[in-house]
Amino acid sequence: MKRACTRTAFAMTCATALGIASSALRAELSAEELAKLAQNPVGNMISVPFQDNVNLNVGPQKTTQNILNIQPVIPIEVSKDWNIITRTVLPVISQPGFSPGESRTNGIGDLQFTAFLSPARPGAWIWGAGAIAQAPTHSNNVLGNDNWGLGPSFVVLHLEHGSPWVYGVLVNNVWSVGTSNNASKYNNGLIQPFLNYNLRGGTYFTSSPVLTVNWEADGSQRWTVPLGGGIGHIFHFGKLPVSMQINAYYNVARPDYAANWQIRAQVQLLFPK
């Protein structure tokens, strides 16, 4: 059952990305406008980011963990005043062993799906509110939890025409709701502030650290707090606009055996209307 769920989730994600790519048309937007639109988590634009996170010095063996997040964002128009923005995250994980001689585990982690209700015609301040669900799609028990999860999610940002700044914050919290006897319960929070400064021509400076908290852990083992940033640019491959960026973050607070540095590279396919 779990393998079937994993294969279905991966196939749906890939099919969505490939199907969208085949029908992409370049919109008459400047590179700076495209960059700002791509930085809006609840923008009325289909996009397919591929975000690769290289986590350094993980575990007692100080090895490298790699997580590739495939995260298509698809807006759905429900009326002239409201949109539902769906955001799916499917992680492909390469997890190092934590003891000498333990082999690396490669596979798919647990899928997360978020749906935001957001105004279709917002002003400079934009918001979205909704729910996040977590499904046990992991291909190996090392890479996920057998319990389903559910919780709230919220985003607010400032994006103003003529201003180079895009900034805001996205938050969510996921509680386990399953009853699997073989899986521990979880209560995980996420806070992602983001700050972008856009230059003419499509180059931008960016910082979007992902702060996470495990409310089930003790004291100093709860929080992971990264600081850092990077640079990105809008490229065009034929008619397809693509946002590419590279970032580096240092975890100033982290649990034992968590990574101290993270290198994040992202390629985001854009499909403006």
C-alpha atoms as a PDB file:
ATOM      1  CA  MET A   1       0.000   0.000   0.000  1.00  0.00           C
ATOM      2  CA  LYS A   2       2.796   2.398   0.984  1.00  0.00           C
ATOM      3  CA  ARG A   3       4.789   1.644  -2.181  1.00  0.00           C
ATOM      4  CA  ALA A   4       1.698   2.206  -4.326  1.00  0.00           C
ATOM      5  CA  CYS A   5       1.067   5.533  -2.590  1.00  0.00           C
ATOM      6  CA  THR A   6       4.711   6.556  -3.119  1.00  0.00           C
ATOM      7  CA  ARG A   7       4.671   5.655  -6.822  1.00  0.00           C
ATOM      8  CA  THR A   8       1.364   7.471  -7.330  1.00  0.00           C
ATOM      9  CA  ALA A   9       2.566  10.647  -5.604  1.00  0.00           C
ATOM     10  CA  PHE A  10       5.823  10.713  -7.578  1.00  0.00           C
ATOM     11  CA  ALA A  11       4.056  10.017 -10.879  1.00  0.00           C
ATOM     12  CA  MET A  12       1.464  12.736 -10.271  1.00  0.00           C
ATOM     13  CA  THR A  13       4.166  15.293  -9.440  1.00  0.00           C
ATOM     14  CA  CYS A  14       6.248  14.465 -12.516  1.00  0.00           C
ATOM     15  CA  ALA A  15       3.201  14.370 -14.787  1.00  0.00           C
ATOM     16  CA  THR A  16       2.115  17.782 -13.545  1.00  0.00           C
ATOM     17  CA  ALA A  17       5.528  19.298 -14.238  1.00  0.00           C
ATOM     18  CA  LEU A  18       5.849  17.728 -17.685  1.00  0.00           C
ATOM     19  CA  GLY A  19       2.271  18.516 -18.693  1.00  0.00           C
ATOM     20  CA  ILE A  20       2.648  22.142 -17.705  1.00  0.00           C
ATOM     21  CA  ALA A  21       5.989  22.489 -19.470  1.00  0.00           C
ATOM     22  CA  SER A  22       4.578  21.286 -22.761  1.00  0.00           C
ATOM     23  CA  SER A  23       2.025  24.132 -22.841  1.00  0.00           C
ATOM     24  CA  ALA A  24       4.172  27.014 -21.516  1.00  0.00           C
ATOM     25  CA  LEU A  25       3.982  30.403 -23.196  1.00  0.00           C
ATOM     26  CA  ARG A  26       6.172  33.388 -22.428  1.00  0.00           C
ATOM     27  CA  ALA A  27       4.211  36.273 -20.974  1.00  0.00           C
ATOM     28  CA  GLU A  28       4.926  39.902 -21.815  1.00  0.00           C
ATOM     29  CA  LEU A  29       6.514  40.633 -18.454  1.00  0.00           C
ATOM     30  CA  SER A  30       9.911  42.147 -17.709  1.00  0.00           C
ATOM     31  CA  ALA A  31      12.539  39.986 -16.027  1.00  0.00           C
ATOM     32  CA  GLU A  32      12.171  42.055 -12.849  1.00  0.00           C
ATOM     33  CA  GLU A  33       8.395  41.569 -12.843  1.00  0.00           C
ATOM     34  CA  LEU A  34       8.827  37.819 -13.370  1.00  0.00           C
ATOM     35  CA  ALA A  35      11.296  37.650 -10.476  1.00  0.00           C
ATOM     36  CA  LYS A  36       8.872  39.443  -8.144  1.00  0.00           C
ATOM     37  CA  LEU A  37       5.984  37.223  -9.243  1.00  0.00           C
ATOM     38  CA  ALA A  38       8.085  34.116  -8.591  1.00  0.00           C
ATOM     39  CA  GLN A  39       8.830  35.389  -5.064  1.00  0.00           C
ATOM     40  CA  ASN A  40       5.121  35.500  -4.174  1.00  0.00           C
ATOM     41  CA  PRO A  41       4.127  32.158  -2.553  1.00  0.00           C
ATOM     42  CA  VAL A  42       0.455  32.803  -3.379  1.00  0.00           C
ATOM     43  CA  GLY A  43       0.909  34.445  -6.778  1.00  0.00           C
ATOM     44  CA  ASN A  44      -1.576  33.664  -9.537  1.00  0.00           C
ATOM     45  CA  MET A  45       1.004  31.789 -11.610  1.00  0.00           C
ATOM     46  CA  ILE A  46       1.838  28.137 -12.112  1.00  0.00           C
ATOM     47  CA  SER A  47       5.439  27.365 -11.185  1.00  0.00           C
ATOM     48  CA  VAL A  48       7.481  24.223 -10.600  1.00  0.00           C
ATOM     49  CA  PRO A  49      10.480  24.743  -8.314  1.00  0.00           C
ATOM     50  CA  PHE A  50      13.155  22.063  -7.947  1.00  0.00           C
ATOM     51  CA  GLN A  51      14.979  22.929  -4.735  1.00  0.00           C
ATOM     52  CA  ASP A  52      18.115  20.988  -3.817  1.00  0.00           C
ATOM     53  CA  ASN A  53      19.336  21.255  -0.215  1.00  0.00           C
ATOM     54  CA  VAL A  54      22.817  19.973   0.612  1.00  0.00           C
ATOM     55  CA  ASN A  55      23.149  19.662   4.400  1.00  0.00           C
ATOM     56  CA  LEU A  56      26.743  19.449   5.592  1.00  0.00           C
ATOM     57  CA  ASN A  57      28.226  17.673   8.634  1.00  0.00           C
ATOM     58  CA  VAL A  58      25.121  15.658   9.517  1.00  0.00           C
ATOM     59  CA  GLY A  59      25.209  13.012  12.238  1.00  0.00           C
ATOM     60  CA  PRO A  60      28.076  11.706  14.378  1.00  0.00           C
ATOM     61  CA  GLN A  61      30.006  10.776  11.223  1.00  0.00           C
ATOM     62  CA  LYS A  62      29.813  14.397   9.909  1.00  0.00           C
ATOM     63  CA  THR A  63      28.536  13.310   6.491  1.00  0.00           C
ATOM     64  CA  THR A  64      26.306  14.958   3.890  1.00  0.00           C
ATOM     65  CA  GLN A  65      22.545  14.708   3.544  1.00  0.00           C
ATOM     66  CA  ASN A  66      20.809  15.719   0.306  1.00  0.00           C
ATOM     67  CA  ILE A  67      17.127  16.632  -0.048  1.00  0.00           C
ATOM     68  CA  LEU A  68      15.654  17.513  -3.438  1.00  0.00           C
ATOM     69  CA  ASN A  69      12.213  19.087  -3.014  1.00  0.00           C
ATOM     70  CA  ILE A  70       9.922  18.915  -6.040  1.00  0.00           C
ATOM     71  CA  GLN A  71       7.236  21.491  -5.264  1.00  0.00           C
ATOM     72  CA  PRO A  72       4.728  22.477  -7.958  1.00  0.00           C
ATOM     73  CA  VAL A  73       2.535  25.498  -7.188  1.00  0.00           C
ATOM     74  CA  ILE A  74      -0.832  25.586  -8.973  1.00  0.00           C
ATOM     75  CA  PRO A  75      -3.458  28.357  -8.574  1.00  0.00           C
ATOM     76  CA  ILE A  76      -7.161  27.545  -8.929  1.00  0.00           C
ATOM     77  CA  GLU A  77      -9.642  30.339  -9.617  1.00  0.00           C
ATOM     78  CA  VAL A  78     -12.782  29.826  -7.517  1.00  0.00           C
ATOM     79  CA  SER A  79     -14.398  33.213  -8.254  1.00  0.00           C
ATOM     80  CA  LYS A  80     -13.489  36.662  -9.558  1.00  0.00           C
ATOM     81  CA  ASP A  81     -12.468  37.619  -6.014  1.00  0.00           C
ATOM     82  CA  TRP A  82     -10.769  34.496  -4.675  1.00  0.00           C
ATOM     83  CA  ASN A  83      -8.100  31.962  -5.648  1.00  0.00           C
ATOM     84  CA  ILE A  84      -6.976  28.740  -4.037  1.00  0.00           C
ATOM     85  CA  ILE A  85      -3.203  28.302  -4.328  1.00  0.00           C
ATOM     86  CA  THR A  86      -2.052  24.688  -4.007  1.00  0.00           C
ATOM     87  CA  ARG A  87       1.515  23.925  -3.025  1.00  0.00           C
ATOM     88  CA  THR A  88       2.878  20.349  -3.041  1.00  0.00           C
ATOM     89  CA  VAL A  89       6.284  19.339  -1.667  1.00  0.00           C
ATOM     90  CA  LEU A  90       7.682  15.891  -2.473  1.00  0.00           C
ATOM     91  CA  PRO A  91      11.189  15.325  -1.017  1.00  0.00           C
ATOM     92  CA  VAL A  92      13.692  12.983  -2.645  1.00  0.00           C
ATOM     93  CA  ILE A  93      16.189  12.169   0.106  1.00  0.00           C
ATOM     94  CA  SER A  94      19.694  10.763   0.363  1.00  0.00           C
ATOM     95  CA  GLN A  95      20.152  10.065   4.081  1.00  0.00           C
ATOM     96  CA  PRO A  96      23.599   9.126   5.453  1.00  0.00           C
ATOM     97  CA  GLY A  97      24.077   6.374   7.997  1.00  0.00           C
ATOM     98  CA  PHE A  98      24.488   7.501  11.599  1.00  0.00           C
ATOM     99  CA  SER A  99      26.847   4.737  12.742  1.00  0.00           C
ATOM    100  CA  PRO A 100      30.097   3.286  11.317  1.00  0.00           C
ATOM    101  CA  GLY A 101      29.359   0.840   8.521  1.00  0.00           C
ATOM    102  CA  GLU A 102      25.708   1.890   8.202  1.00  0.00           C
ATOM    103  CA  SER A 103      24.798   2.390   4.554  1.00  0.00           C
ATOM    104  CA  ARG A 104      23.171   5.453   3.021  1.00  0.00           C
ATOM    105  CA  THR A 105      19.374   5.362   2.487  1.00  0.00           C
ATOM    106  CA  ASN A 106      17.965   6.847  -0.719  1.00  0.00           C
ATOM    107  CA  GLY A 107      14.303   7.332  -1.562  1.00  0.00           C
ATOM    108  CA  ILE A 108      11.200   9.467  -1.244  1.00  0.00           C
ATOM    109  CA  GLY A 109      10.075  11.167   1.963  1.00  0.00           C
ATOM    110  CA  ASP A 110       6.627  12.205   3.144  1.00  0.00           C
ATOM    111  CA  LEU A 111       4.580  14.419   0.828  1.00  0.00           C
ATOM    112  CA  GLN A 112       3.130  17.701   2.107  1.00  0.00           C
ATOM    113  CA  PHE A 113       0.189  19.455   0.433  1.00  0.00           C
ATOM    114  CA  THR A 114      -0.944  22.992   1.283  1.00  0.00           C
ATOM    115  CA  ALA A 115      -3.973  24.906  -0.012  1.00  0.00           C
ATOM    116  CA  PHE A 116      -4.180  28.673   0.580  1.00  0.00           C
ATOM    117  CA  LEU A 117      -7.290  30.797   0.106  1.00  0.00           C
ATOM    118  CA  SER A 118      -6.073  34.173  -1.189  1.00  0.00           C
ATOM    119  CA  PRO A 119      -7.665  37.328  -2.679  1.00  0.00           C
ATOM    120  CA  ALA A 120      -7.554  37.388  -6.475  1.00  0.00           C
ATOM    121  CA  ARG A 121      -7.019  41.170  -6.599  1.00  0.00           C
ATOM    122  CA  PRO A 122      -4.859  42.067  -3.620  1.00  0.00           C
ATOM    123  CA  GLY A 123      -3.190  45.392  -2.896  1.00  0.00           C
ATOM    124  CA  ALA A 124       0.432  45.834  -1.868  1.00  0.00           C
ATOM    125  CA  TRP A 125      -0.176  43.569   1.136  1.00  0.00           C
ATOM    126  CA  ILE A 126      -1.034  40.004   0.108  1.00  0.00           C
ATOM    127  CA  TRP A 127      -2.139  37.136   2.322  1.00  0.00           C
ATOM    128  CA  GLY A 128      -3.172  33.523   2.133  1.00  0.00           C
ATOM    129  CA  ALA A 129      -4.644  31.206   4.775  1.00  0.00           C
ATOM    130  CA  GLY A 130      -5.362  27.518   4.655  1.00  0.00           C
ATOM    131  CA  ALA A 131      -4.360  24.039   5.737  1.00  0.00           C
ATOM    132  CA  ILE A 132      -1.399  21.720   5.285  1.00  0.00           C
ATOM    133  CA  ALA A 133      -1.596  17.919   5.159  1.00  0.00           C
ATOM    134  CA  GLN A 134       1.220  15.380   5.376  1.00  0.00           C
ATOM    135  CA  ALA A 135       0.931  11.937   3.773  1.00  0.00           C
ATOM    136  CA  PRO A 136       3.150   8.919   4.614  1.00  0.00           C
ATOM    137  CA  THR A 137       4.542   8.420   1.113  1.00  0.00           C
ATOM    138  CA  HIS A 138       8.090   7.514   2.262  1.00  0.00           C
ATOM    139  CA  SER A 139       9.763   4.641   0.496  1.00  0.00           C
ATOM    140  CA  ASN A 140      11.781   3.630   3.583  1.00  0.00           C
ATOM    141  CA  ASN A 141      10.955   3.937   7.293  1.00  0.00           C
ATOM    142  CA  VAL A 142      14.159   5.907   7.826  1.00  0.00           C
ATOM    143  CA  LEU A 143      12.823   8.668   5.561  1.00  0.00           C
ATOM    144  CA  GLY A 144       9.432   9.415   7.139  1.00  0.00           C
ATOM    145  CA  ASN A 145       6.666   8.689   9.611  1.00  0.00           C
ATOM    146  CA  ASP A 146       3.729   6.300   9.120  1.00  0.00           C
ATOM    147  CA  ASN A 147       1.239   8.754  10.655  1.00  0.00           C
ATOM    148  CA  TRP A 148      -0.715  11.263   8.601  1.00  0.00           C
ATOM    149  CA  GLY A 149      -0.482  14.923   9.619  1.00  0.00           C
ATOM    150  CA  LEU A 150      -2.664  18.025   9.496  1.00  0.00           C
ATOM    151  CA  GLY A 151      -2.426  21.666  10.552  1.00  0.00           C
ATOM    152  CA  PRO A 152      -2.875  25.355   9.654  1.00  0.00           C
ATOM    153  CA  SER A 153      -0.763  27.420   7.279  1.00  0.00           C
ATOM    154  CA  PHE A 154      -0.564  31.174   6.709  1.00  0.00           C
ATOM    155  CA  VAL A 155       1.445  33.564   4.552  1.00  0.00           C
ATOM    156  CA  VAL A 156       1.596  37.353   4.378  1.00  0.00           C
ATOM    157  CA  LEU A 157       3.846  39.490   2.168  1.00  0.00           C
ATOM    158  CA  HIS A 158       4.383  42.956   0.771  1.00  0.00           C
ATOM    159  CA  LEU A 159       4.765  43.325  -3.008  1.00  0.00           C
ATOM    160  CA  GLU A 160       4.274  46.788  -4.490  1.00  0.00           C
ATOM    161  CA  HIS A 161       4.489  47.859  -8.125  1.00  0.00           C
ATOM    162  CA  GLY A 162       7.547  50.049  -8.637  1.00  0.00           C
ATOM    163  CA  SER A 163       9.298  48.850  -5.471  1.00  0.00           C
ATOM    164  CA  PRO A 164      12.265  46.449  -5.722  1.00  0.00           C
ATOM    165  CA  TRP A 165      11.455  44.850  -2.350  1.00  0.00           C
ATOM    166  CA  VAL A 166       9.416  41.690  -1.768  1.00  0.00           C
ATOM    167  CA  TYR A 167       9.224  40.523   1.842  1.00  0.00           C
ATOM    168  CA  GLY A 168       7.001  38.487   4.100  1.00  0.00           C
ATOM    169  CA  VAL A 169       6.697  35.304   6.127  1.00  0.00           C
ATOM    170  CA  LEU A 170       5.149  31.842   5.730  1.00  0.00           C
ATOM    171  CA  VAL A 171       4.244  29.748   8.791  1.00  0.00           C
ATOM    172  CA  ASN A 172       2.682  26.357   9.401  1.00  0.00           C
ATOM    173  CA  ASN A 173       2.410  23.657  12.029  1.00  0.00           C
ATOM    174  CA  VAL A 174       1.690  19.972  11.440  1.00  0.00           C
ATOM    175  CA  TRP A 175       0.368  17.575  14.079  1.00  0.00           C
ATOM    176  CA  SER A 176       0.248  13.815  13.564  1.00  0.00           C
ATOM    177  CA  VAL A 177      -3.319  12.530  13.355  1.00  0.00           C
ATOM    178  CA  GLY A 178      -2.735   8.847  12.584  1.00  0.00           C
ATOM    179  CA  THR A 179      -2.818   5.921  14.969  1.00  0.00           C
ATOM    180  CA  SER A 180       0.040   3.803  13.670  1.00  0.00           C
ATOM    181  CA  ASN A 181       1.424   1.634  16.474  1.00  0.00           C
ATOM    182  CA  ASN A 182       4.887   1.606  14.922  1.00  0.00           C
ATOM    183  CA  ALA A 183       5.282   5.371  14.453  1.00  0.00           C
ATOM    184  CA  SER A 184       5.911   8.145  16.941  1.00  0.00           C
ATOM    185  CA  LYS A 185       3.622  11.159  17.081  1.00  0.00           C
ATOM    186  CA  TYR A 186       4.950  14.479  15.819  1.00  0.00           C
ATOM    187  CA  ASN A 187       4.270  18.182  16.238  1.00  0.00           C
ATOM    188  CA  ASN A 188       6.420  20.210  13.841  1.00  0.00           C
ATOM    189  CA  GLY A 189       6.390  23.931  13.151  1.00  0.00           C
ATOM    190  CA  LEU A 190       7.929  25.955  10.324  1.00  0.00           C
ATOM    191  CA  ILE A 191       8.625  29.681   9.991  1.00  0.00           C
ATOM    192  CA  GLN A 192      10.054  30.978   6.706  1.00  0.00           C
ATOM    193  CA  PRO A 193      10.697  34.730   6.556  1.00  0.00           C
ATOM    194  CA  PHE A 194      11.753  35.960   3.120  1.00  0.00           C
ATOM    195  CA  LEU A 195      13.384  39.156   1.924  1.00  0.00           C
ATOM    196  CA  ASN A 196      14.177  39.885  -1.730  1.00  0.00           C
ATOM    197  CA  TYR A 197      15.721  42.907  -3.450  1.00  0.00           C
ATOM    198  CA  ASN A 198      15.232  42.954  -7.219  1.00  0.00           C
ATOM    199  CA  LEU A 199      17.509  44.672  -9.739  1.00  0.00           C
ATOM    200  CA  ARG A 200      16.614  45.645 -13.278  1.00  0.00           C
ATOM    201  CA  GLY A 201      17.355  42.833 -15.700  1.00  0.00           C
ATOM    202  CA  GLY A 202      16.109  40.020 -13.455  1.00  0.00           C
ATOM    203  CA  THR A 203      18.949  39.670 -10.941  1.00  0.00           C
ATOM    204  CA  TYR A 204      17.909  39.606  -7.286  1.00  0.00           C
ATOM    205  CA  PHE A 205      19.348  39.175  -3.815  1.00  0.00           C
ATOM    206  CA  THR A 206      17.422  36.848  -1.567  1.00  0.00           C
ATOM    207  CA  SER A 207      17.218  35.457   1.941  1.00  0.00           C
ATOM    208  CA  SER A 208      14.595  32.872   2.902  1.00  0.00           C
ATOM    209  CA  PRO A 209      15.831  30.784   5.840  1.00  0.00           C
ATOM    210  CA  VAL A 210      13.589  27.926   6.959  1.00  0.00           C
ATOM    211  CA  LEU A 211      13.293  27.863  10.750  1.00  0.00           C
ATOM    212  CA  THR A 212      11.915  24.594  12.074  1.00  0.00           C
ATOM    213  CA  VAL A 213      10.807  23.479  15.525  1.00  0.00           C
ATOM    214  CA  ASN A 214      10.093  20.003  16.867  1.00  0.00           C
ATOM    215  CA  TRP A 215       7.736  20.628  19.784  1.00  0.00           C
ATOM    216  CA  GLU A 216       8.111  17.006  20.938  1.00  0.00           C
ATOM    217  CA  ALA A 217      11.868  17.416  21.535  1.00  0.00           C
ATOM    218  CA  ASP A 218      13.526  18.670  24.700  1.00  0.00           C
ATOM    219  CA  GLY A 219      14.849  22.193  25.220  1.00  0.00           C
ATOM    220  CA  SER A 220      17.911  22.849  23.041  1.00  0.00           C
ATOM    221  CA  GLN A 221      16.949  20.019  20.680  1.00  0.00           C
ATOM    222  CA  ARG A 222      13.800  21.764  19.402  1.00  0.00           C
ATOM    223  CA  TRP A 223      14.923  24.557  17.088  1.00  0.00           C
ATOM    224  CA  THR A 224      16.890  24.807  13.868  1.00  0.00           C
ATOM    225  CA  VAL A 225      17.623  28.477  13.081  1.00  0.00           C
ATOM    226  CA  PRO A 226      19.581  29.279   9.898  1.00  0.00           C
ATOM    227  CA  LEU A 227      21.010  32.640   8.831  1.00  0.00           C
ATOM    228  CA  GLY A 228      22.222  33.484   5.336  1.00  0.00           C
ATOM    229  CA  GLY A 229      21.121  34.321   1.821  1.00  0.00           C
ATOM    230  CA  GLY A 230      22.055  34.245  -1.821  1.00  0.00           C
ATOM    231  CA  ILE A 231      21.597  35.566  -5.326  1.00  0.00           C
ATOM    232  CA  GLY A 232      19.335  34.657  -8.240  1.00  0.00           C
ATOM    233  CA  HIS A 233      18.526  35.591 -11.821  1.00  0.00           C
ATOM    234  CA  ILE A 234      15.736  35.142 -14.369  1.00  0.00           C
ATOM    235  CA  PHE A 235      16.825  33.251 -17.489  1.00  0.00           C
ATOM    236  CA  HIS A 236      14.873  32.346 -20.611  1.00  0.00           C
ATOM    237  CA  PHE A 237      15.160  28.987 -22.334  1.00  0.00           C
ATOM    238  CA  GLY A 238      13.267  29.535 -25.547  1.00  0.00           C
ATOM    239  CA  LYS A 239       9.820  30.711 -24.441  1.00  0.00           C
ATOM    240  CA  LEU A 240      10.216  29.379 -20.905  1.00  0.00           C
ATOM    241  CA  PRO A 241      11.258  31.796 -18.119  1.00  0.00           C
ATOM    242  CA  VAL A 242      13.262  30.141 -15.344  1.00  0.00           C
ATOM    243  CA  SER A 243      14.365  31.558 -12.009  1.00  0.00           C
ATOM    244  CA  MET A 244      17.673  30.175 -10.741  1.00  0.00           C
ATOM    245  CA  GLN A 245      19.269  30.919  -7.389  1.00  0.00           C
ATOM    246  CA  ILE A 246      22.030  29.763  -5.061  1.00  0.00           C
ATOM    247  CA  ASN A 247      22.066  30.282  -1.277  1.00  0.00           C
ATOM    248  CA  ALA A 248      24.153  29.406   1.768  1.00  0.00           C
ATOM    249  CA  TYR A 249      22.843  29.214   5.343  1.00  0.00           C
ATOM    250  CA  TYR A 250      24.545  28.606   8.680  1.00  0.00           C
ATOM    251  CA  ASN A 251      22.500  27.074  11.492  1.00  0.00           C
ATOM    252  CA  VAL A 252      23.143  29.288  14.528  1.00  0.00           C
ATOM    253  CA  ALA A 253      20.869  27.012  16.581  1.00  0.00           C
ATOM    254  CA  ARG A 254      20.413  23.330  15.872  1.00  0.00           C
ATOM    255  CA  PRO A 255      19.802  19.956  17.540  1.00  0.00           C
ATOM    256  CA  ASP A 256      22.667  17.560  18.161  1.00  0.00           C
ATOM    257  CA  TYR A 257      23.866  15.889  14.938  1.00  0.00           C
ATOM    258  CA  ALA A 258      21.964  18.341  12.710  1.00  0.00           C
ATOM    259  CA  ALA A 259      23.762  20.053   9.824  1.00  0.00           C
ATOM    260  CA  ASN A 260      25.788  23.176  10.569  1.00  0.00           C
ATOM    261  CA  TRP A 261      25.731  24.476   6.962  1.00  0.00           C
ATOM    262  CA  GLN A 262      23.217  24.206   4.145  1.00  0.00           C
ATOM    263  CA  ILE A 263      23.802  24.945   0.471  1.00  0.00           C
ATOM    264  CA  ARG A 264      20.524  25.509  -1.389  1.00  0.00           C
ATOM    265  CA  ALA A 265      20.217  25.609  -5.173  1.00  0.00           C
ATOM    266  CA  GLN A 266      16.872  26.167  -6.861  1.00  0.00           C
ATOM    267  CA  VAL A 267      15.590  26.017 -10.424  1.00  0.00           C
ATOM    268  CA  GLN A 268      12.012  27.329 -10.726  1.00  0.00           C
ATOM    269  CA  LEU A 269      10.087  26.872 -13.974  1.00  0.00           C
ATOM    270  CA  LEU A 270       7.630  29.743 -14.494  1.00  0.00           C
ATOM    271  CA  PHE A 271       4.376  29.658 -16.424  1.00  0.00           C
ATOM    272  CA  PRO A 272       2.846  33.151 -16.294  1.00  0.00           C
ATOM    273  CA  LYS A 273      -0.640  33.701 -17.682  1.00  0.00           C
END
